[in-house]
N, C-alpha and C. Protein backbone atom coordinates (compact mmCIF):
# COMPACT_ATOMS: atom_id res chain seq x y z
N MET A 1 86.09 106.88 79.85
CA MET A 1 87.09 105.83 79.93
C MET A 1 86.94 105.00 81.19
N LEU A 2 86.10 105.41 82.12
CA LEU A 2 85.85 104.63 83.32
C LEU A 2 84.62 103.76 83.11
N GLN A 3 84.74 102.48 83.46
CA GLN A 3 83.62 101.55 83.33
C GLN A 3 83.30 100.97 84.70
N THR A 4 82.06 101.09 85.11
CA THR A 4 81.62 100.50 86.37
C THR A 4 81.41 99.01 86.18
N ILE A 5 81.96 98.22 87.09
CA ILE A 5 81.84 96.77 87.04
C ILE A 5 80.88 96.33 88.13
N SER A 6 79.94 95.46 87.75
CA SER A 6 78.97 94.93 88.69
C SER A 6 78.62 93.51 88.28
N THR A 7 78.59 92.61 89.24
CA THR A 7 78.21 91.23 88.96
C THR A 7 77.33 90.71 90.09
N GLU A 8 76.38 89.86 89.73
CA GLU A 8 75.53 89.20 90.73
C GLU A 8 76.29 88.10 91.46
N LYS A 9 77.48 87.73 90.97
CA LYS A 9 78.27 86.66 91.58
C LYS A 9 79.12 87.15 92.75
N ALA A 10 78.94 88.41 93.10
CA ALA A 10 79.59 89.00 94.26
C ALA A 10 78.54 89.85 94.97
N PRO A 11 78.72 90.11 96.25
CA PRO A 11 77.73 90.90 96.98
C PRO A 11 77.59 92.31 96.40
N LYS A 12 76.37 92.80 96.46
CA LYS A 12 76.12 94.17 96.04
C LYS A 12 76.84 95.11 97.00
N ALA A 13 77.22 96.26 96.50
CA ALA A 13 77.87 97.26 97.34
C ALA A 13 76.95 97.63 98.51
N VAL A 14 77.53 97.79 99.69
CA VAL A 14 76.74 98.14 100.87
C VAL A 14 76.78 99.65 101.11
N GLY A 15 77.15 100.40 100.10
CA GLY A 15 77.21 101.85 100.21
C GLY A 15 77.30 102.48 98.84
N PRO A 16 77.58 103.77 98.78
CA PRO A 16 77.65 104.48 97.50
C PRO A 16 79.01 104.30 96.82
N TYR A 17 79.27 103.09 96.36
CA TYR A 17 80.50 102.78 95.64
C TYR A 17 80.23 101.63 94.68
N SER A 18 81.18 101.34 93.81
CA SER A 18 81.08 100.26 92.83
C SER A 18 81.87 99.05 93.28
N GLN A 19 81.49 97.87 92.81
CA GLN A 19 82.29 96.68 93.08
C GLN A 19 83.69 96.87 92.52
N ALA A 20 83.77 97.50 91.36
CA ALA A 20 85.07 97.78 90.75
C ALA A 20 84.90 98.85 89.69
N ILE A 21 86.01 99.46 89.34
CA ILE A 21 86.08 100.41 88.23
C ILE A 21 87.19 99.94 87.29
N LYS A 22 86.83 99.82 86.03
CA LYS A 22 87.79 99.41 85.00
C LYS A 22 88.24 100.65 84.23
N THR A 23 89.56 100.75 84.07
CA THR A 23 90.15 101.82 83.28
C THR A 23 91.02 101.16 82.22
N PRO A 24 91.51 101.90 81.24
CA PRO A 24 92.39 101.26 80.26
C PRO A 24 93.60 100.61 80.96
N GLY A 25 93.64 99.31 80.91
CA GLY A 25 94.76 98.56 81.45
C GLY A 25 94.64 98.07 82.88
N PHE A 26 93.70 98.63 83.65
CA PHE A 26 93.59 98.27 85.07
C PHE A 26 92.15 98.09 85.50
N VAL A 27 91.98 97.31 86.55
CA VAL A 27 90.70 97.25 87.26
C VAL A 27 91.01 97.46 88.75
N PHE A 28 90.27 98.37 89.36
CA PHE A 28 90.41 98.70 90.77
C PHE A 28 89.20 98.14 91.51
N CYS A 29 89.43 97.12 92.32
CA CYS A 29 88.35 96.44 93.03
C CYS A 29 88.17 96.99 94.43
N SER A 30 86.95 97.34 94.75
CA SER A 30 86.63 97.75 96.12
C SER A 30 86.85 96.57 97.06
N GLY A 31 87.00 96.88 98.32
CA GLY A 31 87.18 95.83 99.31
C GLY A 31 85.98 94.90 99.36
N GLN A 32 86.27 93.62 99.45
CA GLN A 32 85.24 92.61 99.61
C GLN A 32 85.29 92.08 101.03
N ILE A 33 84.13 91.96 101.65
CA ILE A 33 84.02 91.32 102.95
C ILE A 33 83.34 89.97 102.72
N PRO A 34 83.33 89.09 103.73
CA PRO A 34 82.80 87.74 103.51
C PRO A 34 81.28 87.66 103.49
N LEU A 35 80.69 88.29 102.49
CA LEU A 35 79.24 88.21 102.30
C LEU A 35 78.94 87.15 101.25
N ASP A 36 77.94 86.34 101.53
CA ASP A 36 77.45 85.39 100.54
C ASP A 36 76.61 86.19 99.55
N PRO A 37 76.97 86.15 98.24
CA PRO A 37 76.23 86.97 97.28
C PRO A 37 74.76 86.56 97.12
N ALA A 38 74.45 85.30 97.35
CA ALA A 38 73.07 84.83 97.19
C ALA A 38 72.17 85.33 98.32
N SER A 39 72.67 85.24 99.55
CA SER A 39 71.84 85.59 100.70
C SER A 39 72.09 87.01 101.20
N GLY A 40 73.27 87.55 100.88
CA GLY A 40 73.64 88.86 101.41
C GLY A 40 74.06 88.81 102.86
N GLN A 41 74.17 87.60 103.41
CA GLN A 41 74.53 87.43 104.81
C GLN A 41 76.04 87.24 104.98
N LEU A 42 76.55 87.68 106.11
CA LEU A 42 77.95 87.51 106.45
C LEU A 42 78.22 86.02 106.69
N VAL A 43 79.28 85.51 106.07
CA VAL A 43 79.69 84.12 106.29
C VAL A 43 80.29 84.02 107.69
N THR A 44 79.79 83.08 108.46
CA THR A 44 80.33 82.87 109.80
C THR A 44 81.30 81.70 109.74
N GLY A 45 81.95 81.43 110.83
CA GLY A 45 82.92 80.35 110.87
C GLY A 45 84.32 80.90 111.03
N SER A 46 85.27 80.10 110.64
CA SER A 46 86.68 80.45 110.83
C SER A 46 87.11 81.57 109.89
N ILE A 47 88.24 82.16 110.21
CA ILE A 47 88.81 83.17 109.32
C ILE A 47 89.16 82.54 107.98
N ALA A 48 89.46 81.24 107.96
CA ALA A 48 89.71 80.53 106.70
C ALA A 48 88.46 80.54 105.84
N ASP A 49 87.31 80.22 106.42
CA ASP A 49 86.04 80.24 105.67
C ASP A 49 85.75 81.64 105.15
N GLN A 50 85.99 82.64 105.98
CA GLN A 50 85.71 84.01 105.60
C GLN A 50 86.67 84.49 104.52
N THR A 51 87.94 84.13 104.63
CA THR A 51 88.93 84.52 103.62
C THR A 51 88.59 83.88 102.27
N ARG A 52 88.20 82.62 102.31
CA ARG A 52 87.82 81.92 101.08
C ARG A 52 86.64 82.63 100.39
N GLN A 53 85.65 83.06 101.17
CA GLN A 53 84.50 83.76 100.59
C GLN A 53 84.92 85.10 100.01
N VAL A 54 85.76 85.83 100.73
CA VAL A 54 86.23 87.14 100.25
C VAL A 54 86.97 86.98 98.92
N LEU A 55 87.87 86.01 98.84
CA LEU A 55 88.66 85.84 97.62
C LEU A 55 87.82 85.27 96.47
N THR A 56 86.81 84.49 96.77
CA THR A 56 85.88 84.03 95.74
C THR A 56 85.10 85.21 95.19
N ASN A 57 84.62 86.08 96.09
CA ASN A 57 83.90 87.28 95.65
C ASN A 57 84.81 88.15 94.78
N LEU A 58 86.03 88.36 95.24
CA LEU A 58 86.99 89.18 94.50
C LEU A 58 87.28 88.58 93.13
N SER A 59 87.45 87.28 93.07
CA SER A 59 87.69 86.59 91.80
C SER A 59 86.52 86.80 90.84
N ASN A 60 85.30 86.73 91.36
CA ASN A 60 84.12 86.92 90.51
C ASN A 60 84.02 88.35 89.98
N VAL A 61 84.39 89.32 90.79
CA VAL A 61 84.40 90.72 90.32
C VAL A 61 85.45 90.88 89.22
N LEU A 62 86.63 90.32 89.43
CA LEU A 62 87.69 90.41 88.42
C LEU A 62 87.28 89.76 87.11
N THR A 63 86.66 88.60 87.19
CA THR A 63 86.19 87.90 85.98
C THR A 63 85.19 88.77 85.23
N SER A 64 84.30 89.40 85.97
CA SER A 64 83.31 90.28 85.35
C SER A 64 83.96 91.46 84.63
N ALA A 65 85.15 91.85 85.10
CA ALA A 65 85.89 92.97 84.49
C ALA A 65 86.83 92.51 83.38
N GLY A 66 86.86 91.20 83.09
CA GLY A 66 87.76 90.69 82.05
C GLY A 66 89.16 90.43 82.55
N SER A 67 89.30 90.20 83.85
CA SER A 67 90.59 89.94 84.46
C SER A 67 90.47 88.67 85.30
N ASP A 68 91.49 88.40 86.10
CA ASP A 68 91.43 87.28 87.04
C ASP A 68 92.53 87.43 88.09
N LEU A 69 92.54 86.53 89.04
CA LEU A 69 93.49 86.64 90.15
C LEU A 69 94.94 86.59 89.70
N SER A 70 95.22 85.94 88.58
CA SER A 70 96.62 85.86 88.10
C SER A 70 97.13 87.21 87.62
N LYS A 71 96.23 88.18 87.43
CA LYS A 71 96.63 89.50 86.94
C LYS A 71 96.63 90.56 88.05
N VAL A 72 96.40 90.12 89.29
CA VAL A 72 96.40 91.05 90.42
C VAL A 72 97.83 91.49 90.70
N VAL A 73 98.02 92.81 90.79
CA VAL A 73 99.35 93.35 91.06
C VAL A 73 99.51 93.82 92.51
N LYS A 74 98.38 94.13 93.18
CA LYS A 74 98.46 94.64 94.56
C LYS A 74 97.17 94.33 95.29
N THR A 75 97.30 93.85 96.50
CA THR A 75 96.14 93.69 97.39
C THR A 75 96.42 94.41 98.70
N THR A 76 95.35 94.75 99.36
CA THR A 76 95.43 95.23 100.73
C THR A 76 94.45 94.38 101.53
N VAL A 77 94.97 93.76 102.58
CA VAL A 77 94.17 92.91 103.46
C VAL A 77 93.96 93.68 104.76
N PHE A 78 92.70 93.79 105.16
CA PHE A 78 92.35 94.43 106.42
C PHE A 78 91.84 93.34 107.36
N LEU A 79 92.51 93.15 108.48
CA LEU A 79 92.11 92.16 109.47
C LEU A 79 91.66 92.85 110.75
N LYS A 80 90.59 92.35 111.32
CA LYS A 80 90.12 92.88 112.59
C LYS A 80 91.09 92.49 113.71
N ASP A 81 91.74 91.33 113.54
CA ASP A 81 92.68 90.86 114.56
C ASP A 81 93.86 90.19 113.87
N MET A 82 95.06 90.69 114.13
CA MET A 82 96.25 90.16 113.49
C MET A 82 96.55 88.71 113.90
N LYS A 83 95.91 88.24 114.95
CA LYS A 83 96.08 86.83 115.32
C LYS A 83 95.54 85.90 114.23
N ASP A 84 94.71 86.42 113.34
CA ASP A 84 94.16 85.63 112.22
C ASP A 84 95.09 85.59 111.01
N PHE A 85 96.25 86.26 111.11
CA PHE A 85 97.13 86.40 109.95
C PHE A 85 97.55 85.05 109.36
N GLU A 86 98.04 84.14 110.16
CA GLU A 86 98.54 82.86 109.63
C GLU A 86 97.45 82.07 108.92
N GLU A 87 96.28 81.99 109.53
CA GLU A 87 95.17 81.24 108.91
C GLU A 87 94.72 81.91 107.63
N MET A 88 94.61 83.24 107.64
CA MET A 88 94.25 83.98 106.42
C MET A 88 95.30 83.75 105.35
N ASN A 89 96.57 83.84 105.73
CA ASN A 89 97.67 83.72 104.78
C ASN A 89 97.68 82.36 104.09
N ALA A 90 97.34 81.30 104.81
CA ALA A 90 97.30 79.97 104.23
C ALA A 90 96.25 79.89 103.12
N ILE A 91 95.07 80.43 103.36
CA ILE A 91 94.01 80.41 102.33
C ILE A 91 94.37 81.35 101.19
N TYR A 92 94.90 82.51 101.51
CA TYR A 92 95.33 83.48 100.50
C TYR A 92 96.30 82.80 99.53
N GLY A 93 97.22 81.99 100.06
CA GLY A 93 98.19 81.28 99.24
C GLY A 93 97.57 80.25 98.32
N GLU A 94 96.40 79.74 98.67
CA GLU A 94 95.68 78.80 97.80
C GLU A 94 95.14 79.52 96.56
N PHE A 95 94.81 80.78 96.68
CA PHE A 95 94.23 81.55 95.58
C PHE A 95 95.30 82.19 94.70
N PHE A 96 96.43 82.54 95.29
CA PHE A 96 97.53 83.16 94.55
C PHE A 96 98.69 82.16 94.53
N THR A 97 98.63 81.23 93.59
CA THR A 97 99.59 80.12 93.58
C THR A 97 100.84 80.40 92.76
N GLN A 98 100.71 81.15 91.68
CA GLN A 98 101.88 81.39 90.83
C GLN A 98 102.37 82.81 90.96
N GLN A 99 101.67 83.73 90.35
CA GLN A 99 102.03 85.15 90.43
C GLN A 99 101.50 85.69 91.75
N LYS A 100 102.39 86.05 92.64
CA LYS A 100 101.99 86.57 93.94
C LYS A 100 102.06 88.10 93.93
N PRO A 101 100.91 88.75 94.14
CA PRO A 101 100.90 90.21 94.08
C PRO A 101 101.60 90.85 95.27
N ALA A 102 101.95 92.10 95.12
CA ALA A 102 102.40 92.89 96.26
C ALA A 102 101.22 92.97 97.23
N ARG A 103 101.52 93.07 98.53
CA ARG A 103 100.42 93.05 99.50
C ARG A 103 100.79 93.83 100.74
N SER A 104 99.78 94.47 101.30
CA SER A 104 99.88 95.06 102.64
C SER A 104 98.80 94.39 103.48
N THR A 105 99.10 94.15 104.74
CA THR A 105 98.11 93.60 105.68
C THR A 105 98.08 94.52 106.89
N ILE A 106 96.89 94.96 107.22
CA ILE A 106 96.71 95.96 108.26
C ILE A 106 95.66 95.50 109.25
N GLN A 107 95.93 95.65 110.54
CA GLN A 107 94.90 95.40 111.55
C GLN A 107 94.09 96.68 111.71
N VAL A 108 92.77 96.54 111.73
CA VAL A 108 91.88 97.69 111.83
C VAL A 108 90.96 97.54 113.04
N ALA A 109 90.40 98.64 113.48
CA ALA A 109 89.51 98.63 114.64
C ALA A 109 88.15 98.04 114.31
N GLY A 110 87.72 98.17 113.07
CA GLY A 110 86.41 97.66 112.67
C GLY A 110 86.26 97.65 111.17
N LEU A 111 85.34 96.82 110.70
CA LEU A 111 85.06 96.70 109.27
C LEU A 111 83.54 96.72 109.06
N PRO A 112 83.08 97.01 107.84
CA PRO A 112 81.65 97.02 107.57
C PRO A 112 80.98 95.71 107.99
N LYS A 113 79.80 95.84 108.54
CA LYS A 113 78.99 94.70 108.98
C LYS A 113 79.70 93.86 110.04
N ASN A 114 80.68 94.47 110.71
CA ASN A 114 81.45 93.81 111.75
C ASN A 114 82.21 92.58 111.24
N ALA A 115 82.61 92.63 109.96
CA ALA A 115 83.37 91.53 109.36
C ALA A 115 84.75 91.44 110.00
N ASN A 116 85.37 90.28 109.87
CA ASN A 116 86.72 90.07 110.40
C ASN A 116 87.81 90.31 109.38
N ILE A 117 87.44 90.39 108.10
CA ILE A 117 88.42 90.54 107.03
C ILE A 117 87.79 91.31 105.86
N GLU A 118 88.63 92.07 105.17
CA GLU A 118 88.27 92.74 103.93
C GLU A 118 89.52 92.75 103.07
N ILE A 119 89.35 92.50 101.77
CA ILE A 119 90.49 92.55 100.84
C ILE A 119 90.09 93.36 99.62
N GLU A 120 90.97 94.30 99.23
CA GLU A 120 90.81 95.07 98.00
C GLU A 120 91.95 94.71 97.06
N ALA A 121 91.77 94.99 95.77
CA ALA A 121 92.80 94.60 94.80
C ALA A 121 92.86 95.55 93.62
N ILE A 122 94.04 95.58 93.01
CA ILE A 122 94.27 96.27 91.75
C ILE A 122 94.84 95.21 90.80
N ALA A 123 94.26 95.12 89.61
CA ALA A 123 94.70 94.10 88.65
C ALA A 123 94.84 94.68 87.26
N LEU A 124 95.60 93.98 86.44
CA LEU A 124 95.69 94.30 85.02
C LEU A 124 94.50 93.70 84.29
N VAL A 125 94.12 94.30 83.17
CA VAL A 125 93.07 93.71 82.33
C VAL A 125 93.62 93.42 80.96
């Protein structure tokens, strides 16, 4: 009943995990960092640019699972620095315009590949 989700439109996993796992009724998306799926390189620039890349990657994983951002019920945002919260939140609001999922935002000491942001999600399918 578990289905591994993988798409070339999002970065490949950087470890022993799946981009997402689909179960009856839900898709559980692993955290996405701001990697460009074509180059595999970390997107540099503002936290806005990085947040946009993360949410684009997440959207592509959800689409591959037969879902989309409008069906997200919960996200967890990991920020390297909470001073980036307002800028991240503005871009986040561009992606979640109608149905706004429950969310936690946590400052962390470090993220994979020294990224500044990571977002994971749980969505309906």
